[in-house]
Each structure stands twice: as structure tokens, then as C-alpha cells.
């Protein structure tokens, strides 16, 4: 995925894609987890919202239970 693809995924996230809210073990910040499907592939998208920026992490869902894999 390139930057444009990532922006398109973020633009199309919906409440139906929301999976969880977890606290970062490192910073204590809340991470919002979404699991959209793109071109038949499950993604694991984590967002951290800060006052001056947004951190985004994309991973391919590659485990049988649908959790984040090592990709």
C-alpha cells in the first residue's frame, strides 16, 4: 500500500469497522482499532489521536482469529 491507498482506507473507515479501544502499554494513550477489508484482505488499523497530530499503524490481518499478526 502506498500513501494514497492508506489515505483512502482512512477516509472510508466507518463505525462498522471499529473493533476495539486499547491503552498503549508504552505511552498510556488510547489506541482505536479498526478492522476494514480492502480488496479481500483484512487490515488491522490503529489510530492514536493527539492534539497536534494523528498516529496511524497499518498491519495485515494474518491470523485465524482475526487478530494482528506479525506482518
PDB file of N, CA and C in Angstrom:
ATOM      1  N   UNK A   1       0.843  -1.179   0.000  1.00  0.00           N
ATOM      2  CA  UNK A   1       0.000   0.000   0.000  1.00  0.00           C
ATOM      3  C   UNK A   1       0.887   1.240   0.000  1.00  0.00           C
ATOM      4  N   UNK A   2       0.504   2.218  -0.821  1.00  0.00           N
ATOM      5  CA  UNK A   2       1.237   3.478  -0.812  1.00  0.00           C
ATOM      6  C   UNK A   2       0.464   4.503   0.018  1.00  0.00           C
ATOM      7  N   UNK A   3       0.964   5.707   0.109  1.00  0.00           N
ATOM      8  CA  UNK A   3       0.344   6.745   0.939  1.00  0.00           C
ATOM      9  C   UNK A   3      -1.086   7.046   0.491  1.00  0.00           C
ATOM     10  N   UNK A   4      -1.330   7.070  -0.812  1.00  0.00           N
ATOM     11  CA  UNK A   4      -2.674   7.328  -1.308  1.00  0.00           C
ATOM     12  C   UNK A   4      -3.643   6.222  -0.901  1.00  0.00           C
ATOM     13  N   UNK A   5      -3.181   4.969  -0.970  1.00  0.00           N
ATOM     14  CA  UNK A   5      -4.017   3.843  -0.546  1.00  0.00           C
ATOM     15  C   UNK A   5      -4.371   3.960   0.935  1.00  0.00           C
ATOM     16  N   UNK A   6      -3.391   4.301   1.747  1.00  0.00           N
ATOM     17  CA  UNK A   6      -3.623   4.443   3.189  1.00  0.00           C
ATOM     18  C   UNK A   6      -4.620   5.559   3.474  1.00  0.00           C
ATOM     19  N   UNK A   7      -4.493   6.667   2.779  1.00  0.00           N
ATOM     20  CA  UNK A   7      -5.434   7.777   2.958  1.00  0.00           C
ATOM     21  C   UNK A   7      -6.847   7.356   2.564  1.00  0.00           C
ATOM     22  N   UNK A   8      -6.961   6.577   1.498  1.00  0.00           N
ATOM     23  CA  UNK A   8      -8.276   6.099   1.051  1.00  0.00           C
ATOM     24  C   UNK A   8      -8.907   5.178   2.098  1.00  0.00           C
ATOM     25  N   UNK A   9      -8.108   4.293   2.687  1.00  0.00           N
ATOM     26  CA  UNK A   9      -8.618   3.412   3.743  1.00  0.00           C
ATOM     27  C   UNK A   9      -9.111   4.250   4.916  1.00  0.00           C
ATOM     28  N   UNK A  10      -8.322   5.233   5.348  1.00  0.00           N
ATOM     29  CA  UNK A  10      -8.728   6.085   6.469  1.00  0.00           C
ATOM     30  C   UNK A  10     -10.001   6.855   6.149  1.00  0.00           C
ATOM     31  N   UNK A  11     -10.106   7.358   4.946  1.00  0.00           N
ATOM     32  CA  UNK A  11     -11.276   8.128   4.535  1.00  0.00           C
ATOM     33  C   UNK A  11     -12.548   7.275   4.568  1.00  0.00           C
ATOM     34  N   UNK A  12     -12.410   5.984   4.297  1.00  0.00           N
ATOM     35  CA  UNK A  12     -13.569   5.098   4.209  1.00  0.00           C
ATOM     36  C   UNK A  12     -13.863   4.321   5.484  1.00  0.00           C
ATOM     37  N   UNK A  13     -13.111   4.558   6.562  1.00  0.00           N
ATOM     38  CA  UNK A  13     -13.421   3.865   7.818  1.00  0.00           C
ATOM     39  C   UNK A  13     -14.809   4.255   8.292  1.00  0.00           C
ATOM     40  N   UNK A  14     -15.506   3.282   8.873  1.00  0.00           N
ATOM     41  CA  UNK A  14     -16.844   3.550   9.408  1.00  0.00           C
ATOM     42  C   UNK A  14     -16.971   2.908  10.782  1.00  0.00           C
ATOM     43  N   UNK A  15     -18.057   3.198  11.447  1.00  0.00           N
ATOM     44  CA  UNK A  15     -18.305   2.606  12.764  1.00  0.00           C
ATOM     45  C   UNK A  15     -18.356   1.085  12.670  1.00  0.00           C
ATOM     46  N   UNK A  16     -18.786   0.557  11.538  1.00  0.00           N
ATOM     47  CA  UNK A  16     -18.845  -0.895  11.350  1.00  0.00           C
ATOM     48  C   UNK A  16     -17.450  -1.521  11.352  1.00  0.00           C
ATOM     49  N   UNK A  17     -16.418  -0.746  11.041  1.00  0.00           N
ATOM     50  CA  UNK A  17     -15.035  -1.238  11.035  1.00  0.00           C
ATOM     51  C   UNK A  17     -14.390  -1.193  12.415  1.00  0.00           C
ATOM     52  N   UNK A  18     -15.015  -0.482  13.369  1.00  0.00           N
ATOM     53  CA  UNK A  18     -14.432  -0.333  14.693  1.00  0.00           C
ATOM     54  C   UNK A  18     -14.379  -1.686  15.390  1.00  0.00           C
ATOM     55  N   UNK A  19     -13.216  -2.011  15.995  1.00  0.00           N
ATOM     56  CA  UNK A  19     -13.045  -3.296  16.661  1.00  0.00           C
ATOM     57  C   UNK A  19     -12.785  -3.171  18.158  1.00  0.00           C
ATOM     58  N   UNK A  20     -12.018  -2.154  18.575  1.00  0.00           N
ATOM     59  CA  UNK A  20     -11.622  -2.103  19.986  1.00  0.00           C
ATOM     60  C   UNK A  20     -10.960  -0.772  20.306  1.00  0.00           C
ATOM     61  N   UNK A  21     -10.847  -0.491  21.568  1.00  0.00           N
ATOM     62  CA  UNK A  21     -10.078   0.644  22.071  1.00  0.00           C
ATOM     63  C   UNK A  21      -9.177   0.071  23.148  1.00  0.00           C
ATOM     64  N   UNK A  22      -7.871   0.229  22.962  1.00  0.00           N
ATOM     65  CA  UNK A  22      -6.928  -0.348  23.917  1.00  0.00           C
ATOM     66  C   UNK A  22      -5.933   0.721  24.357  1.00  0.00           C
ATOM     67  N   UNK A  23      -5.432   0.562  25.555  1.00  0.00           N
ATOM     68  CA  UNK A  23      -4.469   1.515  26.090  1.00  0.00           C
ATOM     69  C   UNK A  23      -3.056   1.088  25.725  1.00  0.00           C
ATOM     70  N   UNK A  24      -2.273   2.014  25.196  1.00  0.00           N
ATOM     71  CA  UNK A  24      -0.888   1.733  24.848  1.00  0.00           C
ATOM     72  C   UNK A  24      -0.102   1.395  26.105  1.00  0.00           C
ATOM     73  N   UNK A  25       0.629   0.298  26.056  1.00  0.00           N
ATOM     74  CA  UNK A  25       1.464  -0.087  27.190  1.00  0.00           C
ATOM     75  C   UNK A  25       2.654   0.854  27.340  1.00  0.00           C
ATOM     76  N   UNK A  26       3.022   1.531  26.259  1.00  0.00           N
ATOM     77  CA  UNK A  26       4.196   2.400  26.282  1.00  0.00           C
ATOM     78  C   UNK A  26       3.853   3.818  26.734  1.00  0.00           C
ATOM     79  N   UNK A  27       2.807   4.411  26.130  1.00  0.00           N
ATOM     80  CA  UNK A  27       2.501   5.819  26.405  1.00  0.00           C
ATOM     81  C   UNK A  27       1.269   6.024  27.277  1.00  0.00           C
ATOM     82  N   UNK A  28       0.440   4.996  27.430  1.00  0.00           N
ATOM     83  CA  UNK A  28      -0.799   5.144  28.186  1.00  0.00           C
ATOM     84  C   UNK A  28      -1.912   5.794  27.380  1.00  0.00           C
ATOM     85  N   UNK A  29      -1.636   6.129  26.118  1.00  0.00           N
ATOM     86  CA  UNK A  29      -2.653   6.749  25.260  1.00  0.00           C
ATOM     87  C   UNK A  29      -3.630   5.690  24.760  1.00  0.00           C
ATOM     88  N   UNK A  30      -4.846   6.144  24.414  1.00  0.00           N
ATOM     89  CA  UNK A  30      -5.833   5.241  23.842  1.00  0.00           C
ATOM     90  C   UNK A  30      -5.553   5.042  22.371  1.00  0.00           C
ATOM     91  N   UNK A  31      -5.578   3.783  21.939  1.00  0.00           N
ATOM     92  CA  UNK A  31      -5.458   3.419  20.529  1.00  0.00           C
ATOM     93  C   UNK A  31      -6.805   2.898  20.074  1.00  0.00           C
ATOM     94  N   UNK A  32      -7.276   3.422  18.984  1.00  0.00           N
ATOM     95  CA  UNK A  32      -8.551   2.999  18.417  1.00  0.00           C
ATOM     96  C   UNK A  32      -8.260   2.025  17.291  1.00  0.00           C
ATOM     97  N   UNK A  33      -8.816   0.827  17.372  1.00  0.00           N
ATOM     98  CA  UNK A  33      -8.514  -0.245  16.440  1.00  0.00           C
ATOM     99  C   UNK A  33      -9.693  -0.459  15.496  1.00  0.00           C
ATOM    100  N   UNK A  34      -9.382  -0.478  14.210  1.00  0.00           N
ATOM    101  CA  UNK A  34     -10.373  -0.728  13.172  1.00  0.00           C
ATOM    102  C   UNK A  34      -9.913  -1.926  12.353  1.00  0.00           C
ATOM    103  N   UNK A  35     -10.879  -2.694  11.831  1.00  0.00           N
ATOM    104  CA  UNK A  35     -10.556  -3.870  11.021  1.00  0.00           C
ATOM    105  C   UNK A  35     -11.347  -3.846   9.714  1.00  0.00           C
ATOM    106  N   UNK A  36     -10.953  -2.972   8.791  1.00  0.00           N
ATOM    107  CA  UNK A  36     -11.623  -2.943   7.488  1.00  0.00           C
ATOM    108  C   UNK A  36     -11.085  -4.047   6.573  1.00  0.00           C
ATOM    109  N   UNK A  37     -11.851  -4.351   5.541  1.00  0.00           N
ATOM    110  CA  UNK A  37     -11.389  -5.258   4.487  1.00  0.00           C
ATOM    111  C   UNK A  37     -11.158  -4.426   3.234  1.00  0.00           C
ATOM    112  N   UNK A  38     -10.011  -4.617   2.608  1.00  0.00           N
ATOM    113  CA  UNK A  38      -9.655  -3.876   1.403  1.00  0.00           C
ATOM    114  C   UNK A  38      -9.181  -4.878   0.361  1.00  0.00           C
ATOM    115  N   UNK A  39      -9.863  -4.914  -0.765  1.00  0.00           N
ATOM    116  CA  UNK A  39      -9.519  -5.830  -1.859  1.00  0.00           C
ATOM    117  C   UNK A  39      -9.397  -7.272  -1.357  1.00  0.00           C
ATOM    118  N   UNK A  40     -10.328  -7.665  -0.471  1.00  0.00           N
ATOM    119  CA  UNK A  40     -10.345  -9.028   0.038  1.00  0.00           C
ATOM    120  C   UNK A  40      -9.354  -9.319   1.144  1.00  0.00           C
ATOM    121  N   UNK A  41      -8.616  -8.320   1.569  1.00  0.00           N
ATOM    122  CA  UNK A  41      -7.614  -8.502   2.622  1.00  0.00           C
ATOM    123  C   UNK A  41      -8.057  -7.779   3.885  1.00  0.00           C
ATOM    124  N   UNK A  42      -8.024  -8.466   5.014  1.00  0.00           N
ATOM    125  CA  UNK A  42      -8.341  -7.843   6.288  1.00  0.00           C
ATOM    126  C   UNK A  42      -7.168  -7.015   6.777  1.00  0.00           C
ATOM    127  N   UNK A  43      -7.460  -5.797   7.204  1.00  0.00           N
ATOM    128  CA  UNK A  43      -6.424  -4.923   7.750  1.00  0.00           C
ATOM    129  C   UNK A  43      -6.679  -4.683   9.231  1.00  0.00           C
ATOM    130  N   UNK A  44      -5.635  -4.369   9.936  1.00  0.00           N
ATOM    131  CA  UNK A  44      -5.671  -4.020  11.350  1.00  0.00           C
ATOM    132  C   UNK A  44      -5.111  -2.612  11.418  1.00  0.00           C
ATOM    133  N   UNK A  45      -5.971  -1.623  11.654  1.00  0.00           N
ATOM    134  CA  UNK A  45      -5.566  -0.216  11.634  1.00  0.00           C
ATOM    135  C   UNK A  45      -5.687   0.347  13.042  1.00  0.00           C
ATOM    136  N   UNK A  46      -4.589   0.899  13.567  1.00  0.00           N
ATOM    137  CA  UNK A  46      -4.604   1.520  14.895  1.00  0.00           C
ATOM    138  C   UNK A  46      -4.399   3.015  14.739  1.00  0.00           C
ATOM    139  N   UNK A  47      -5.218   3.801  15.439  1.00  0.00           N
ATOM    140  CA  UNK A  47      -5.109   5.257  15.433  1.00  0.00           C
ATOM    141  C   UNK A  47      -4.874   5.754  16.843  1.00  0.00           C
ATOM    142  N   UNK A  48      -3.956   6.694  16.981  1.00  0.00           N
ATOM    143  CA  UNK A  48      -3.772   7.427  18.234  1.00  0.00           C
ATOM    144  C   UNK A  48      -3.986   8.887  17.898  1.00  0.00           C
ATOM    145  N   UNK A  49      -4.922   9.523  18.581  1.00  0.00           N
ATOM    146  CA  UNK A  49      -5.240  10.922  18.325  1.00  0.00           C
ATOM    147  C   UNK A  49      -4.564  11.801  19.364  1.00  0.00           C
ATOM    148  N   UNK A  50      -3.811  12.770  18.870  1.00  0.00           N
ATOM    149  CA  UNK A  50      -3.165  13.758  19.739  1.00  0.00           C
ATOM    150  C   UNK A  50      -3.628  15.139  19.321  1.00  0.00           C
ATOM    151  N   UNK A  51      -3.404  16.119  20.141  1.00  0.00           N
ATOM    152  CA  UNK A  51      -3.873  17.472  19.830  1.00  0.00           C
ATOM    153  C   UNK A  51      -3.198  18.048  18.591  1.00  0.00           C
ATOM    154  N   UNK A  52      -1.974  17.628  18.302  1.00  0.00           N
ATOM    155  CA  UNK A  52      -1.260  18.207  17.168  1.00  0.00           C
ATOM    156  C   UNK A  52      -1.016  17.241  16.016  1.00  0.00           C
ATOM    157  N   UNK A  53      -1.444  15.975  16.156  1.00  0.00           N
ATOM    158  CA  UNK A  53      -1.234  15.016  15.073  1.00  0.00           C
ATOM    159  C   UNK A  53      -2.032  13.736  15.313  1.00  0.00           C
ATOM    160  N   UNK A  54      -2.012  12.864  14.314  1.00  0.00           N
ATOM    161  CA  UNK A  54      -2.652  11.553  14.392  1.00  0.00           C
ATOM    162  C   UNK A  54      -1.604  10.515  14.004  1.00  0.00           C
ATOM    163  N   UNK A  55      -1.431   9.494  14.831  1.00  0.00           N
ATOM    164  CA  UNK A  55      -0.534   8.396  14.508  1.00  0.00           C
ATOM    165  C   UNK A  55      -1.365   7.248  13.965  1.00  0.00           C
ATOM    166  N   UNK A  56      -0.903   6.655  12.880  1.00  0.00           N
ATOM    167  CA  UNK A  56      -1.631   5.580  12.231  1.00  0.00           C
ATOM    168  C   UNK A  56      -0.688   4.401  12.022  1.00  0.00           C
ATOM    169  N   UNK A  57      -1.180   3.198  12.285  1.00  0.00           N
ATOM    170  CA  UNK A  57      -0.422   1.982  12.050  1.00  0.00           C
ATOM    171  C   UNK A  57      -1.297   1.017  11.264  1.00  0.00           C
ATOM    172  N   UNK A  58      -0.788   0.500  10.155  1.00  0.00           N
ATOM    173  CA  UNK A  58      -1.490  -0.474   9.328  1.00  0.00           C
ATOM    174  C   UNK A  58      -0.763  -1.808   9.406  1.00  0.00           C
ATOM    175  N   UNK A  59      -1.533  -2.888   9.560  1.00  0.00           N
ATOM    176  CA  UNK A  59      -0.982  -4.244   9.525  1.00  0.00           C
ATOM    177  C   UNK A  59      -1.979  -5.117   8.783  1.00  0.00           C
ATOM    178  N   UNK A  60      -1.475  -6.144   8.125  1.00  0.00           N
ATOM    179  CA  UNK A  60      -2.363  -7.112   7.509  1.00  0.00           C
ATOM    180  C   UNK A  60      -2.818  -8.087   8.572  1.00  0.00           C
ATOM    181  N   UNK A  61      -4.103  -8.397   8.580  1.00  0.00           N
ATOM    182  CA  UNK A  61      -4.648  -9.391   9.494  1.00  0.00           C
ATOM    183  C   UNK A  61      -4.270 -10.749   8.942  1.00  0.00           C
ATOM    184  N   UNK A  62      -3.469 -11.511   9.689  1.00  0.00           N
ATOM    185  CA  UNK A  62      -2.994 -12.772   9.129  1.00  0.00           C
ATOM    186  C   UNK A  62      -3.109 -13.954  10.072  1.00  0.00           C
ATOM    187  N   UNK A  63      -3.932 -13.834  11.084  1.00  0.00           N
ATOM    188  CA  UNK A  63      -4.126 -14.952  11.996  1.00  0.00           C
ATOM    189  C   UNK A  63      -5.538 -15.484  11.855  1.00  0.00           C
ATOM    190  N   UNK A  64      -5.733 -16.723  12.208  1.00  0.00           N
ATOM    191  CA  UNK A  64      -7.043 -17.350  12.061  1.00  0.00           C
ATOM    192  C   UNK A  64      -8.118 -16.677  12.901  1.00  0.00           C
ATOM    193  N   UNK A  65      -7.748 -16.123  14.057  1.00  0.00           N
ATOM    194  CA  UNK A  65      -8.746 -15.492  14.915  1.00  0.00           C
ATOM    195  C   UNK A  65      -8.978 -14.027  14.561  1.00  0.00           C
ATOM    196  N   UNK A  66      -8.307 -13.534  13.510  1.00  0.00           N
ATOM    197  CA  UNK A  66      -8.540 -12.173  13.059  1.00  0.00           C
ATOM    198  C   UNK A  66      -7.743 -11.121  13.805  1.00  0.00           C
ATOM    199  N   UNK A  67      -6.814 -11.537  14.649  1.00  0.00           N
ATOM    200  CA  UNK A  67      -6.004 -10.567  15.396  1.00  0.00           C
ATOM    201  C   UNK A  67      -4.795 -10.165  14.576  1.00  0.00           C
ATOM    202  N   UNK A  68      -4.149  -9.135  15.051  1.00  0.00           N
ATOM    203  CA  UNK A  68      -2.955  -8.624  14.372  1.00  0.00           C
ATOM    204  C   UNK A  68      -1.903  -9.699  14.332  1.00  0.00           C
ATOM    205  N   UNK A  69      -1.338  -9.884  13.172  1.00  0.00           N
ATOM    206  CA  UNK A  69      -0.240 -10.826  13.023  1.00  0.00           C
ATOM    207  C   UNK A  69       1.078 -10.097  13.059  1.00  0.00           C
ATOM    208  N   UNK A  70       2.077 -10.742  12.573  1.00  0.00           N
ATOM    209  CA  UNK A  70       3.411 -10.163  12.607  1.00  0.00           C
ATOM    210  C   UNK A  70       3.739  -9.410  11.334  1.00  0.00           C
ATOM    211  N   UNK A  71       2.770  -9.200  10.454  1.00  0.00           N
ATOM    212  CA  UNK A  71       3.045  -8.520   9.181  1.00  0.00           C
ATOM    213  C   UNK A  71       3.391  -7.082   9.386  1.00  0.00           C
TER     214      UNK A  71
END
